[in-house]
Amino acid sequence: MKINQKKYRARNVIERCIGWLKWCQRVATRYEKLAESYLTMIKLAMIQRCNRLLEPSGRT
């Protein structure tokens, strides 16, 4: 695999993650004034995303 392909795949993963974070309204509009609080909200959004990916597909 060429170096450009590896870079593109890594960049694609990051871009999709950022695109998903934009769907989280609290993160997209940045209600928190402090950077530390904003980072915490990003972490919580990522935890929520991971939980959704890990839960069985039959659950609602």
PDB file of N, CA and C in Angstrom:
ATOM      1  N   MET A   1       0.848  -1.181   0.000  1.00  0.00           N
ATOM      2  CA  MET A   1       0.000   0.000   0.000  1.00  0.00           C
ATOM      3  C   MET A   1       0.893   1.244   0.000  1.00  0.00           C
ATOM      4  N   LYS A   2       0.548   2.197  -0.813  1.00  0.00           N
ATOM      5  CA  LYS A   2       1.330   3.427  -0.895  1.00  0.00           C
ATOM      6  C   LYS A   2       1.128   4.284   0.344  1.00  0.00           C
ATOM      7  N   ILE A   3       2.071   5.154   0.582  1.00  0.00           N
ATOM      8  CA  ILE A   3       2.000   6.049   1.740  1.00  0.00           C
ATOM      9  C   ILE A   3       0.781   6.963   1.632  1.00  0.00           C
ATOM     10  N   ASN A   4       0.482   7.440   0.445  1.00  0.00           N
ATOM     11  CA  ASN A   4      -0.666   8.325   0.268  1.00  0.00           C
ATOM     12  C   ASN A   4      -1.971   7.631   0.634  1.00  0.00           C
ATOM     13  N   GLN A   5      -2.087   6.353   0.326  1.00  0.00           N
ATOM     14  CA  GLN A   5      -3.297   5.615   0.669  1.00  0.00           C
ATOM     15  C   GLN A   5      -3.444   5.481   2.175  1.00  0.00           C
ATOM     16  N   LYS A   6      -2.347   5.236   2.869  1.00  0.00           N
ATOM     17  CA  LYS A   6      -2.388   5.127   4.329  1.00  0.00           C
ATOM     18  C   LYS A   6      -2.796   6.459   4.954  1.00  0.00           C
ATOM     19  N   LYS A   7      -2.232   7.531   4.445  1.00  0.00           N
ATOM     20  CA  LYS A   7      -2.577   8.853   4.966  1.00  0.00           C
ATOM     21  C   LYS A   7      -4.044   9.173   4.696  1.00  0.00           C
ATOM     22  N   TYR A   8      -4.512   8.830   3.504  1.00  0.00           N
ATOM     23  CA  TYR A   8      -5.898   9.098   3.150  1.00  0.00           C
ATOM     24  C   TYR A   8      -6.853   8.329   4.056  1.00  0.00           C
ATOM     25  N   ARG A   9      -6.551   7.067   4.329  1.00  0.00           N
ATOM     26  CA  ARG A   9      -7.423   6.271   5.191  1.00  0.00           C
ATOM     27  C   ARG A   9      -7.455   6.834   6.608  1.00  0.00           C
ATOM     28  N   ALA A  10      -6.304   7.223   7.112  1.00  0.00           N
ATOM     29  CA  ALA A  10      -6.263   7.799   8.459  1.00  0.00           C
ATOM     30  C   ALA A  10      -7.032   9.123   8.492  1.00  0.00           C
ATOM     31  N   ARG A  11      -6.857   9.931   7.474  1.00  0.00           N
ATOM     32  CA  ARG A  11      -7.565  11.211   7.412  1.00  0.00           C
ATOM     33  C   ARG A  11      -9.069  10.995   7.282  1.00  0.00           C
ATOM     34  N   ASN A  12      -9.463  10.005   6.533  1.00  0.00           N
ATOM     35  CA  ASN A  12     -10.880   9.710   6.337  1.00  0.00           C
ATOM     36  C   ASN A  12     -11.537   9.340   7.665  1.00  0.00           C
ATOM     37  N   VAL A  13     -10.858   8.550   8.474  1.00  0.00           N
ATOM     38  CA  VAL A  13     -11.404   8.167   9.780  1.00  0.00           C
ATOM     39  C   VAL A  13     -11.613   9.406  10.639  1.00  0.00           C
ATOM     40  N   ILE A  14     -10.648  10.288  10.647  1.00  0.00           N
ATOM     41  CA  ILE A  14     -10.747  11.509  11.458  1.00  0.00           C
ATOM     42  C   ILE A  14     -11.865  12.405  10.942  1.00  0.00           C
ATOM     43  N   GLU A  15     -11.969  12.556   9.639  1.00  0.00           N
ATOM     44  CA  GLU A  15     -13.016  13.398   9.069  1.00  0.00           C
ATOM     45  C   GLU A  15     -14.405  12.858   9.364  1.00  0.00           C
ATOM     46  N   ARG A  16     -14.574  11.521   9.316  1.00  0.00           N
ATOM     47  CA  ARG A  16     -15.875  10.938   9.652  1.00  0.00           C
ATOM     48  C   ARG A  16     -16.207  11.155  11.117  1.00  0.00           C
ATOM     49  N   CYS A  17     -15.207  11.059  11.975  1.00  0.00           N
ATOM     50  CA  CYS A  17     -15.417  11.280  13.406  1.00  0.00           C
ATOM     51  C   CYS A  17     -15.849  12.725  13.660  1.00  0.00           C
ATOM     52  N   ILE A  18     -15.185  13.667  13.035  1.00  0.00           N
ATOM     53  CA  ILE A  18     -15.551  15.076  13.195  1.00  0.00           C
ATOM     54  C   ILE A  18     -16.942  15.326  12.628  1.00  0.00           C
ATOM     55  N   GLY A  19     -17.249  14.711  11.497  1.00  0.00           N
ATOM     56  CA  GLY A  19     -18.585  14.839  10.920  1.00  0.00           C
ATOM     57  C   GLY A  19     -19.655  14.315  11.857  1.00  0.00           C
ATOM     58  N   TRP A  20     -19.364  13.193  12.519  1.00  0.00           N
ATOM     59  CA  TRP A  20     -20.335  12.661  13.479  1.00  0.00           C
ATOM     60  C   TRP A  20     -20.482  13.596  14.671  1.00  0.00           C
ATOM     61  N   LEU A  21     -19.375  14.158  15.144  1.00  0.00           N
ATOM     62  CA  LEU A  21     -19.448  15.061  16.297  1.00  0.00           C
ATOM     63  C   LEU A  21     -20.304  16.294  15.991  1.00  0.00           C
ATOM     64  N   LYS A  22     -20.351  16.706  14.740  1.00  0.00           N
ATOM     65  CA  LYS A  22     -21.179  17.858  14.366  1.00  0.00           C
ATOM     66  C   LYS A  22     -22.664  17.565  14.536  1.00  0.00           C
ATOM     67  N   TRP A  23     -23.038  16.289  14.562  1.00  0.00           N
ATOM     68  CA  TRP A  23     -24.431  15.929  14.804  1.00  0.00           C
ATOM     69  C   TRP A  23     -24.810  16.112  16.265  1.00  0.00           C
ATOM     70  N   CYS A  24     -23.834  16.133  17.141  1.00  0.00           N
ATOM     71  CA  CYS A  24     -24.088  16.366  18.571  1.00  0.00           C
ATOM     72  C   CYS A  24     -24.245  17.867  18.761  1.00  0.00           C
ATOM     73  N   GLN A  25     -25.461  18.300  18.968  1.00  0.00           N
ATOM     74  CA  GLN A  25     -25.753  19.726  18.977  1.00  0.00           C
ATOM     75  C   GLN A  25     -24.956  20.478  20.035  1.00  0.00           C
ATOM     76  N   ARG A  26     -24.799  19.898  21.199  1.00  0.00           N
ATOM     77  CA  ARG A  26     -24.083  20.579  22.270  1.00  0.00           C
ATOM     78  C   ARG A  26     -22.620  20.809  21.896  1.00  0.00           C
ATOM     79  N   VAL A  27     -22.039  19.871  21.181  1.00  0.00           N
ATOM     80  CA  VAL A  27     -20.647  20.019  20.758  1.00  0.00           C
ATOM     81  C   VAL A  27     -20.561  20.984  19.578  1.00  0.00           C
ATOM     82  N   ALA A  28     -21.474  20.868  18.636  1.00  0.00           N
ATOM     83  CA  ALA A  28     -21.430  21.691  17.426  1.00  0.00           C
ATOM     84  C   ALA A  28     -21.624  23.176  17.733  1.00  0.00           C
ATOM     85  N   THR A  29     -22.500  23.492  18.687  1.00  0.00           N
ATOM     86  CA  THR A  29     -22.765  24.896  18.994  1.00  0.00           C
ATOM     87  C   THR A  29     -21.866  25.440  20.089  1.00  0.00           C
ATOM     88  N   ARG A  30     -21.138  24.558  20.748  1.00  0.00           N
ATOM     89  CA  ARG A  30     -20.198  24.908  21.807  1.00  0.00           C
ATOM     90  C   ARG A  30     -20.834  25.797  22.865  1.00  0.00           C
ATOM     91  N   TYR A  31     -21.680  25.184  23.682  1.00  0.00           N
ATOM     92  CA  TYR A  31     -22.310  25.898  24.780  1.00  0.00           C
ATOM     93  C   TYR A  31     -21.319  26.209  25.895  1.00  0.00           C
ATOM     94  N   GLU A  32     -20.332  25.330  26.081  1.00  0.00           N
ATOM     95  CA  GLU A  32     -19.375  25.520  27.164  1.00  0.00           C
ATOM     96  C   GLU A  32     -18.393  26.637  26.824  1.00  0.00           C
ATOM     97  N   LYS A  33     -18.103  27.462  27.801  1.00  0.00           N
ATOM     98  CA  LYS A  33     -17.172  28.563  27.580  1.00  0.00           C
ATOM     99  C   LYS A  33     -15.730  28.153  27.826  1.00  0.00           C
ATOM    100  N   LEU A  34     -15.528  27.230  28.760  1.00  0.00           N
ATOM    101  CA  LEU A  34     -14.179  26.799  29.087  1.00  0.00           C
ATOM    102  C   LEU A  34     -13.747  25.648  28.186  1.00  0.00           C
ATOM    103  N   ALA A  35     -12.501  25.653  27.784  1.00  0.00           N
ATOM    104  CA  ALA A  35     -11.968  24.602  26.924  1.00  0.00           C
ATOM    105  C   ALA A  35     -12.039  23.238  27.615  1.00  0.00           C
ATOM    106  N   GLU A  36     -11.816  23.211  28.906  1.00  0.00           N
ATOM    107  CA  GLU A  36     -11.856  21.960  29.662  1.00  0.00           C
ATOM    108  C   GLU A  36     -13.267  21.356  29.634  1.00  0.00           C
ATOM    109  N   SER A  37     -14.271  22.178  29.789  1.00  0.00           N
ATOM    110  CA  SER A  37     -15.655  21.696  29.742  1.00  0.00           C
ATOM    111  C   SER A  37     -16.012  21.210  28.339  1.00  0.00           C
ATOM    112  N   TYR A  38     -15.538  21.917  27.331  1.00  0.00           N
ATOM    113  CA  TYR A  38     -15.804  21.537  25.948  1.00  0.00           C
ATOM    114  C   TYR A  38     -15.169  20.186  25.633  1.00  0.00           C
ATOM    115  N   LEU A  39     -13.935  19.993  26.076  1.00  0.00           N
ATOM    116  CA  LEU A  39     -13.251  18.726  25.869  1.00  0.00           C
ATOM    117  C   LEU A  39     -13.992  17.593  26.566  1.00  0.00           C
ATOM    118  N   THR A  40     -14.517  17.864  27.750  1.00  0.00           N
ATOM    119  CA  THR A  40     -15.293  16.854  28.466  1.00  0.00           C
ATOM    120  C   THR A  40     -16.535  16.460  27.681  1.00  0.00           C
ATOM    121  N   MET A  41     -17.215  17.415  27.080  1.00  0.00           N
ATOM    122  CA  MET A  41     -18.404  17.105  26.282  1.00  0.00           C
ATOM    123  C   MET A  41     -18.035  16.284  25.041  1.00  0.00           C
ATOM    124  N   ILE A  42     -16.890  16.561  24.447  1.00  0.00           N
ATOM    125  CA  ILE A  42     -16.440  15.773  23.301  1.00  0.00           C
ATOM    126  C   ILE A  42     -16.177  14.334  23.737  1.00  0.00           C
ATOM    127  N   LYS A  43     -15.536  14.175  24.878  1.00  0.00           N
ATOM    128  CA  LYS A  43     -15.257  12.831  25.393  1.00  0.00           C
ATOM    129  C   LYS A  43     -16.554  12.077  25.678  1.00  0.00           C
ATOM    130  N   LEU A  44     -17.520  12.753  26.270  1.00  0.00           N
ATOM    131  CA  LEU A  44     -18.804  12.098  26.544  1.00  0.00           C
ATOM    132  C   LEU A  44     -19.521  11.704  25.255  1.00  0.00           C
ATOM    133  N   ALA A  45     -19.442  12.558  24.251  1.00  0.00           N
ATOM    134  CA  ALA A  45     -20.065  12.242  22.961  1.00  0.00           C
ATOM    135  C   ALA A  45     -19.396  11.031  22.324  1.00  0.00           C
ATOM    136  N   MET A  46     -18.084  10.925  22.441  1.00  0.00           N
ATOM    137  CA  MET A  46     -17.372   9.786  21.882  1.00  0.00           C
ATOM    138  C   MET A  46     -17.701   8.497  22.638  1.00  0.00           C
ATOM    139  N   ILE A  47     -17.840   8.591  23.954  1.00  0.00           N
ATOM    140  CA  ILE A  47     -18.244   7.424  24.741  1.00  0.00           C
ATOM    141  C   ILE A  47     -19.626   6.965  24.319  1.00  0.00           C
ATOM    142  N   GLN A  48     -20.530   7.912  24.122  1.00  0.00           N
ATOM    143  CA  GLN A  48     -21.884   7.571  23.682  1.00  0.00           C
ATOM    144  C   GLN A  48     -21.840   6.895  22.311  1.00  0.00           C
ATOM    145  N   ARG A  49     -21.008   7.398  21.429  1.00  0.00           N
ATOM    146  CA  ARG A  49     -20.872   6.811  20.080  1.00  0.00           C
ATOM    147  C   ARG A  49     -20.355   5.381  20.171  1.00  0.00           C
ATOM    148  N   CYS A  50     -19.332   5.158  20.985  1.00  0.00           N
ATOM    149  CA  CYS A  50     -18.780   3.810  21.148  1.00  0.00           C
ATOM    150  C   CYS A  50     -19.815   2.858  21.723  1.00  0.00           C
ATOM    151  N   ASN A  51     -20.585   3.322  22.683  1.00  0.00           N
ATOM    152  CA  ASN A  51     -21.626   2.481  23.273  1.00  0.00           C
ATOM    153  C   ASN A  51     -22.672   2.087  22.238  1.00  0.00           C
ATOM    154  N   ARG A  52     -23.038   3.025  21.384  1.00  0.00           N
ATOM    155  CA  ARG A  52     -24.020   2.709  20.335  1.00  0.00           C
ATOM    156  C   ARG A  52     -23.481   1.692  19.355  1.00  0.00           C
ATOM    157  N   LEU A  53     -22.193   1.775  19.049  1.00  0.00           N
ATOM    158  CA  LEU A  53     -21.599   0.833  18.113  1.00  0.00           C
ATOM    159  C   LEU A  53     -21.454  -0.560  18.721  1.00  0.00           C
ATOM    160  N   LEU A  54     -21.274  -0.622  20.044  1.00  0.00           N
ATOM    161  CA  LEU A  54     -21.043  -1.899  20.697  1.00  0.00           C
ATOM    162  C   LEU A  54     -22.310  -2.639  21.095  1.00  0.00           C
ATOM    163  N   GLU A  55     -23.417  -1.927  21.249  1.00  0.00           N
ATOM    164  CA  GLU A  55     -24.629  -2.604  21.697  1.00  0.00           C
ATOM    165  C   GLU A  55     -25.207  -3.464  20.576  1.00  0.00           C
ATOM    166  N   PRO A  56     -25.848  -4.552  20.943  1.00  0.00           N
ATOM    167  CA  PRO A  56     -26.428  -5.436  19.920  1.00  0.00           C
ATOM    168  C   PRO A  56     -27.438  -4.695  19.036  1.00  0.00           C
ATOM    169  N   SER A  57     -27.523  -5.080  17.792  1.00  0.00           N
ATOM    170  CA  SER A  57     -28.396  -4.377  16.842  1.00  0.00           C
ATOM    171  C   SER A  57     -29.881  -4.598  17.123  1.00  0.00           C
ATOM    172  N   GLY A  58     -30.238  -5.628  17.863  1.00  0.00           N
ATOM    173  CA  GLY A  58     -31.643  -5.903  18.144  1.00  0.00           C
ATOM    174  C   GLY A  58     -32.241  -5.005  19.195  1.00  0.00           C
ATOM    175  N   ARG A  59     -31.427  -4.321  19.963  1.00  0.00           N
ATOM    176  CA  ARG A  59     -31.944  -3.453  21.040  1.00  0.00           C
ATOM    177  C   ARG A  59     -32.337  -2.107  20.489  1.00  0.00           C
ATOM    178  N   THR A  60     -33.331  -1.485  21.101  1.00  0.00           N
ATOM    179  CA  THR A  60     -33.775  -0.149  20.679  1.00  0.00           C
ATOM    180  C   THR A  60     -33.601   0.841  21.783  1.00  0.00           C
TER     181      THR A  60
END
